[in-house]
């Protein structure tokens, strides 16, 4: 019983459970294992997967970012509008990165230097940034003028859509940053004990600003790819994204109390979120039920986090 509990709560255990669940779904749900459905599933989790890469750092450092959905929508809007106005896709991409980076930087500065709780700060910026997106577009979707913009999402490499490759690169890069760099180690140290990290010479305030700035830039990339996929800048896009991303991270073993994170776990968490939605679509279950399932997954994620923290406390 004890070994089973360790398996359930450990990082390797999560992978085993995912593999078993994947096999069951593949055997019982028609058309699940087709190439078309697998690529569609991966396409559907691109936004969650990309944003989860940096949300992992936020959570690992004992912070939250509830503004990611609004930042994704706002950055996508900025990319489309700047591209339309200038006739250049590159200008649109730069505009998106600037907008996302500014939102992340503002979040980081307010949290680190004004010492306002991350939950409250990002809840406020979530509303403000969504408001900016609605004001800029007058509450309407903005169409894309340059057909080349669509190719950001439609293009393929080796038969796999480009956004999936982008997500894979982000997984590799941020996994490396977490495990092999001083930045990653300092992030986990801050989450484990901010005061001890400060005494050890880590500039906690600057680290927090960098983490949130990175979060904003990554949201901008996700926003551009999403705008390309849905063929317009949508001010109401990515609503509720923050909860899906946090659920995926916590399911994957990132601790809400900070100090613990693993990219392999985050990847599994992202895939679990995608598979749950994909299976409901294949079984023609009404979209309304997906809200219930997402809520249950979030509750399960928090429960697992509590159990992992309790187990870690006993081991300590």
Protein backbone atom coordinates (compact mmCIF):
# COMPACT_ATOMS: atom_id res chain seq x y z
CA UNK A 1 0.00 0.00 0.00
CA UNK A 2 2.85 2.36 0.89
CA UNK A 3 4.69 1.65 -2.37
CA UNK A 4 1.47 2.23 -4.34
CA UNK A 5 1.02 5.59 -2.62
CA UNK A 6 4.61 6.55 -3.46
CA UNK A 7 3.94 5.61 -7.08
CA UNK A 8 0.79 7.71 -7.23
CA UNK A 9 2.45 10.77 -5.72
CA UNK A 10 5.85 10.56 -7.41
CA UNK A 11 6.86 12.08 -10.73
CA UNK A 12 7.49 8.68 -12.32
CA UNK A 13 4.16 7.49 -10.97
CA UNK A 14 2.36 10.26 -12.82
CA UNK A 15 3.92 9.10 -16.09
CA UNK A 16 2.90 5.49 -15.40
CA UNK A 17 -0.67 6.51 -14.55
CA UNK A 18 -0.83 8.63 -17.69
CA UNK A 19 0.44 5.73 -19.83
CA UNK A 20 -2.17 3.38 -18.40
CA UNK A 21 -4.98 5.92 -18.85
CA UNK A 22 -3.80 6.64 -22.41
CA UNK A 23 -3.86 2.93 -23.25
CA UNK A 24 -7.38 2.52 -21.85
CA UNK A 25 -8.67 5.52 -23.80
CA UNK A 26 -6.93 4.33 -26.99
CA UNK A 27 -8.62 0.92 -26.69
CA UNK A 28 -12.10 2.15 -25.77
CA UNK A 29 -12.65 5.44 -27.63
CA UNK A 30 -13.21 5.12 -31.41
CA UNK A 31 -10.85 7.10 -33.68
CA UNK A 32 -8.75 8.30 -30.74
CA UNK A 33 -5.47 6.82 -31.96
CA UNK A 34 -5.72 8.03 -35.57
CA UNK A 35 -2.96 10.30 -36.87
CA UNK A 36 -5.47 13.06 -37.60
CA UNK A 37 -6.84 12.98 -34.06
CA UNK A 38 -3.39 12.84 -32.43
CA UNK A 39 -2.23 15.90 -34.38
CA UNK A 40 -5.52 17.66 -33.60
CA UNK A 41 -5.08 16.85 -29.90
CA UNK A 42 -1.56 18.28 -29.87
CA UNK A 43 -2.72 21.35 -31.77
CA UNK A 44 -5.47 21.91 -29.20
CA UNK A 45 -3.00 22.01 -26.28
CA UNK A 46 -0.41 24.27 -27.93
CA UNK A 47 -1.60 27.41 -26.12
CA UNK A 48 -1.83 25.66 -22.74
CA UNK A 49 1.50 23.91 -23.26
CA UNK A 50 3.45 27.02 -24.24
CA UNK A 51 2.07 29.15 -21.39
CA UNK A 52 2.59 26.31 -18.88
CA UNK A 53 6.35 26.46 -19.53
CA UNK A 54 6.63 29.77 -17.69
CA UNK A 55 3.66 29.33 -15.36
CA UNK A 56 5.76 26.49 -13.96
CA UNK A 57 8.38 29.05 -12.92
CA UNK A 58 5.74 31.37 -11.42
CA UNK A 59 4.25 28.60 -9.30
CA UNK A 60 7.66 27.19 -8.36
CA UNK A 61 8.63 30.61 -6.98
CA UNK A 62 5.41 30.81 -4.88
CA UNK A 63 3.59 33.16 -7.25
CA UNK A 64 0.54 33.04 -9.53
CA UNK A 65 -0.29 34.68 -12.84
CA UNK A 66 -4.01 34.94 -13.53
CA UNK A 67 -3.49 37.42 -16.37
CA UNK A 68 -2.13 34.91 -18.90
CA UNK A 69 -5.41 34.44 -20.78
CA UNK A 70 -5.91 38.19 -21.18
CA UNK A 71 -2.27 38.65 -22.20
CA UNK A 72 -2.59 35.93 -24.87
CA UNK A 73 -5.71 37.62 -26.30
CA UNK A 74 -4.22 41.13 -26.12
CA UNK A 75 -0.94 40.07 -27.73
CA UNK A 76 -2.78 38.25 -30.51
CA UNK A 77 -4.88 41.37 -31.13
CA UNK A 78 -1.76 43.55 -31.17
CA UNK A 79 -0.05 41.24 -33.67
CA UNK A 80 -3.01 41.29 -36.07
CA UNK A 81 -3.65 45.03 -35.81
CA UNK A 82 0.03 45.98 -36.19
CA UNK A 83 0.44 43.56 -39.08
CA UNK A 84 -2.63 44.98 -40.82
CA UNK A 85 -1.53 48.58 -40.28
CA UNK A 86 2.07 48.11 -41.41
CA UNK A 87 1.64 45.37 -43.99
CA UNK A 88 4.43 43.44 -42.25
CA UNK A 89 4.00 40.22 -40.28
CA UNK A 90 7.36 40.85 -38.58
CA UNK A 91 6.11 44.19 -37.21
CA UNK A 92 3.04 42.35 -35.89
CA UNK A 93 5.23 39.77 -34.12
CA UNK A 94 7.39 42.50 -32.56
CA UNK A 95 4.28 44.41 -31.42
CA UNK A 96 2.93 41.26 -29.76
CA UNK A 97 6.22 40.61 -27.95
CA UNK A 98 6.38 44.21 -26.74
CA UNK A 99 2.80 44.12 -25.44
CA UNK A 100 3.26 40.75 -23.72
CA UNK A 101 6.61 41.78 -22.26
CA UNK A 102 5.20 45.03 -20.86
CA UNK A 103 2.29 43.23 -19.17
CA UNK A 104 4.69 40.71 -17.63
CA UNK A 105 7.13 43.43 -16.57
CA UNK A 106 4.38 45.47 -14.91
CA UNK A 107 3.19 42.39 -13.04
CA UNK A 108 6.73 41.63 -11.87
CA UNK A 109 7.54 45.18 -10.76
CA UNK A 110 4.26 45.62 -8.86
CA UNK A 111 4.66 42.25 -7.12
CA UNK A 112 8.40 42.52 -6.38
CA UNK A 113 8.81 46.21 -5.53
CA UNK A 114 5.37 47.28 -4.31
CA UNK A 115 4.92 43.96 -2.52
CA UNK A 116 1.32 43.48 -3.62
CA UNK A 117 0.12 39.88 -3.55
CA UNK A 118 0.59 38.13 -6.91
CA UNK A 119 -2.97 36.81 -6.86
CA UNK A 120 -4.44 40.32 -6.48
CA UNK A 121 -1.97 41.96 -8.89
CA UNK A 122 -2.56 39.52 -11.72
CA UNK A 123 -6.30 39.43 -11.08
CA UNK A 124 -6.27 43.20 -11.60
CA UNK A 125 -4.11 43.06 -14.72
CA UNK A 126 -6.30 40.25 -16.07
CA UNK A 127 -9.23 42.69 -16.09
CA UNK A 128 -7.20 45.69 -17.29
CA UNK A 129 -5.52 43.88 -20.20
CA UNK A 130 -8.76 42.23 -21.31
CA UNK A 131 -10.31 45.69 -21.23
CA UNK A 132 -7.51 47.06 -23.43
CA UNK A 133 -8.11 44.26 -25.94
CA UNK A 134 -11.84 45.06 -26.06
CA UNK A 135 -11.24 48.82 -26.32
CA UNK A 136 -8.64 48.47 -29.11
CA UNK A 137 -10.98 46.30 -31.19
CA UNK A 138 -14.24 47.96 -30.17
CA UNK A 139 -15.28 44.57 -28.83
CA UNK A 140 -15.13 42.89 -32.26
CA UNK A 141 -12.84 40.35 -33.90
CA UNK A 142 -10.18 41.85 -36.15
CA UNK A 143 -9.63 39.99 -39.43
CA UNK A 144 -6.17 39.23 -40.81
CA UNK A 145 -5.31 41.02 -44.05
CA UNK A 146 -2.09 39.19 -44.96
CA UNK A 147 -2.68 35.50 -45.88
CA UNK A 148 0.92 34.83 -44.86
CA UNK A 149 -0.12 35.32 -41.22
CA UNK A 150 -2.22 32.13 -41.47
CA UNK A 151 0.88 30.14 -42.36
CA UNK A 152 2.25 30.58 -38.85
CA UNK A 153 -0.34 28.01 -37.76
CA UNK A 154 -1.01 26.15 -41.03
CA UNK A 155 2.58 25.45 -42.11
CA UNK A 156 4.09 22.03 -41.43
CA UNK A 157 7.54 20.55 -40.96
CA UNK A 158 7.97 16.81 -41.51
CA UNK A 159 4.18 16.53 -41.63
CA UNK A 160 3.73 18.07 -38.17
CA UNK A 161 2.14 21.55 -37.76
CA UNK A 162 4.62 24.28 -36.85
CA UNK A 163 2.86 25.28 -33.57
CA UNK A 164 3.44 21.75 -32.24
CA UNK A 165 7.15 22.10 -33.03
CA UNK A 166 7.19 25.48 -31.27
CA UNK A 167 5.58 23.92 -28.18
CA UNK A 168 8.14 21.09 -28.25
CA UNK A 169 11.04 23.55 -28.47
CA UNK A 170 9.62 25.50 -25.53
CA UNK A 171 9.36 22.29 -23.48
CA UNK A 172 13.01 21.46 -24.19
CA UNK A 173 14.35 24.99 -23.63
CA UNK A 174 12.49 25.69 -20.38
CA UNK A 175 13.15 22.17 -19.11
CA UNK A 176 16.85 22.86 -19.62
CA UNK A 177 16.54 26.28 -17.94
CA UNK A 178 14.81 24.72 -14.92
CA UNK A 179 17.23 21.84 -14.43
CA UNK A 180 20.57 23.06 -15.78
CA UNK A 181 20.86 26.79 -15.13
CA UNK A 182 21.38 29.08 -12.15
CA UNK A 183 18.10 30.80 -13.04
CA UNK A 184 16.18 27.54 -12.62
CA UNK A 185 17.93 26.60 -9.40
CA UNK A 186 17.32 30.08 -7.96
CA UNK A 187 13.64 29.86 -8.90
CA UNK A 188 13.24 26.63 -6.93
CA UNK A 189 15.30 28.05 -4.06
CA UNK A 190 13.07 31.15 -3.84
CA UNK A 191 9.99 28.95 -3.80
CA UNK A 192 11.47 26.74 -1.12
CA UNK A 193 12.56 29.57 1.18
CA UNK A 194 12.64 33.19 -0.08
CA UNK A 195 14.39 34.56 3.01
CA UNK A 196 17.14 31.92 2.95
CA UNK A 197 17.63 32.60 -0.76
CA UNK A 198 17.99 36.33 -0.07
CA UNK A 199 20.57 35.67 2.64
CA UNK A 200 22.43 33.38 0.23
CA UNK A 201 22.83 36.28 -2.19
CA UNK A 202 19.94 35.70 -4.59
CA UNK A 203 18.26 38.92 -5.72
CA UNK A 204 14.69 37.73 -5.12
CA UNK A 205 13.02 40.88 -6.45
CA UNK A 206 14.90 40.79 -9.75
CA UNK A 207 14.21 37.08 -10.14
CA UNK A 208 10.49 37.65 -9.73
CA UNK A 209 10.52 40.45 -12.31
CA UNK A 210 12.38 38.26 -14.79
CA UNK A 211 9.98 35.36 -14.25
CA UNK A 212 6.90 37.51 -14.90
CA UNK A 213 8.56 39.25 -17.88
CA UNK A 214 9.29 35.84 -19.38
CA UNK A 215 5.70 34.83 -18.71
CA UNK A 216 4.49 37.85 -20.67
CA UNK A 217 6.80 37.16 -23.63
CA UNK A 218 5.74 33.52 -23.79
CA UNK A 219 2.07 34.55 -23.66
CA UNK A 220 2.78 36.82 -26.65
CA UNK A 221 4.12 33.87 -28.67
CA UNK A 222 1.07 31.81 -27.71
CA UNK A 223 -1.20 34.74 -28.63
CA UNK A 224 0.29 35.08 -32.12
CA UNK A 225 -0.06 31.36 -32.83
CA UNK A 226 -3.63 31.35 -31.50
CA UNK A 227 -4.60 34.37 -33.63
CA UNK A 228 -3.14 32.64 -36.68
CA UNK A 229 -5.03 29.41 -35.92
CA UNK A 230 -8.42 31.09 -35.39
CA UNK A 231 -7.70 33.43 -38.35
CA UNK A 232 -8.38 36.67 -36.45
CA UNK A 233 -7.54 38.72 -33.40
CA UNK A 234 -10.22 37.90 -30.84
CA UNK A 235 -10.52 40.15 -27.75
CA UNK A 236 -12.36 37.35 -25.93
CA UNK A 237 -9.88 34.62 -26.86
CA UNK A 238 -8.23 32.39 -24.24
CA UNK A 239 -10.91 33.04 -21.60
CA UNK A 240 -10.27 30.71 -18.66
CA UNK A 241 -6.81 29.76 -19.96
CA UNK A 242 -5.18 30.60 -16.61
CA UNK A 243 -7.13 27.88 -14.78
CA UNK A 244 -6.33 25.24 -17.40
CA UNK A 245 -2.63 26.13 -17.30
CA UNK A 246 -2.46 26.10 -13.50
CA UNK A 247 -4.34 22.78 -13.43
CA UNK A 248 -1.88 21.27 -15.91
CA UNK A 249 1.13 22.48 -13.91
CA UNK A 250 -0.18 21.31 -10.54
CA UNK A 251 -1.29 17.96 -11.99
CA UNK A 252 2.27 17.64 -13.25
CA UNK A 253 3.75 18.01 -9.79
CA UNK A 254 4.47 21.74 -9.59
CA UNK A 255 3.83 22.69 -5.98
CA UNK A 256 1.44 25.53 -5.14
CA UNK A 257 3.62 26.09 -2.08
CA UNK A 258 6.67 26.63 -4.31
CA UNK A 259 10.06 24.95 -4.52
CA UNK A 260 9.07 21.91 -6.61
CA UNK A 261 8.67 21.58 -10.39
CA UNK A 262 9.52 19.19 -13.22
CA UNK A 263 9.03 19.73 -16.94
CA UNK A 264 8.20 16.08 -17.63
CA UNK A 265 5.35 16.33 -15.15
CA UNK A 266 4.09 19.56 -16.73
CA UNK A 267 4.06 17.91 -20.17
CA UNK A 268 2.00 15.03 -18.78
CA UNK A 269 -0.35 17.50 -17.08
CA UNK A 270 -0.85 19.39 -20.34
CA UNK A 271 -1.60 16.15 -22.21
CA UNK A 272 -4.09 15.06 -19.53
CA UNK A 273 -5.99 18.33 -19.99
CA UNK A 274 -5.98 17.87 -23.75
CA UNK A 275 -7.01 14.23 -23.71
CA UNK A 276 -9.93 14.88 -21.33
CA UNK A 277 -11.34 17.49 -23.73
CA UNK A 278 -10.52 15.43 -26.82
CA UNK A 279 -12.28 12.31 -25.51
CA UNK A 280 -15.42 14.31 -24.67
CA UNK A 281 -15.44 15.72 -28.20
CA UNK A 282 -15.02 12.27 -29.76
CA UNK A 283 -17.86 10.91 -27.62
CA UNK A 284 -20.06 13.88 -28.61
CA UNK A 285 -20.48 14.98 -25.00
CA UNK A 286 -21.97 18.48 -24.74
CA UNK A 287 -19.48 21.32 -24.31
CA UNK A 288 -21.23 22.40 -21.10
CA UNK A 289 -19.91 19.31 -19.33
CA UNK A 290 -16.35 20.33 -20.15
CA UNK A 291 -16.61 23.10 -17.53
CA UNK A 292 -17.50 20.48 -14.93
CA UNK A 293 -14.59 18.26 -15.98
CA UNK A 294 -12.11 21.15 -15.91
CA UNK A 295 -13.29 22.07 -12.40
CA UNK A 296 -12.94 18.47 -11.23
CA UNK A 297 -9.44 18.26 -12.73
CA UNK A 298 -8.45 21.46 -10.90
CA UNK A 299 -9.77 20.05 -7.61
CA UNK A 300 -7.92 16.77 -8.25
CA UNK A 301 -4.73 18.70 -9.00
CA UNK A 302 -4.93 20.63 -5.73
CA UNK A 303 -5.71 17.45 -3.79
CA UNK A 304 -2.67 15.72 -5.29
CA UNK A 305 -0.53 18.77 -4.48
CA UNK A 306 -1.66 18.64 -0.84
CA UNK A 307 -0.88 14.92 -0.65
CA UNK A 308 2.55 15.42 -2.23
CA UNK A 309 3.35 18.27 0.19
CA UNK A 310 2.25 16.18 3.17
CA UNK A 311 4.36 13.22 1.97
CA UNK A 312 7.37 15.51 1.42
CA UNK A 313 6.89 16.96 4.92
CA UNK A 314 6.92 13.51 6.47
CA UNK A 315 10.06 12.56 4.55
CA UNK A 316 11.69 15.82 5.67
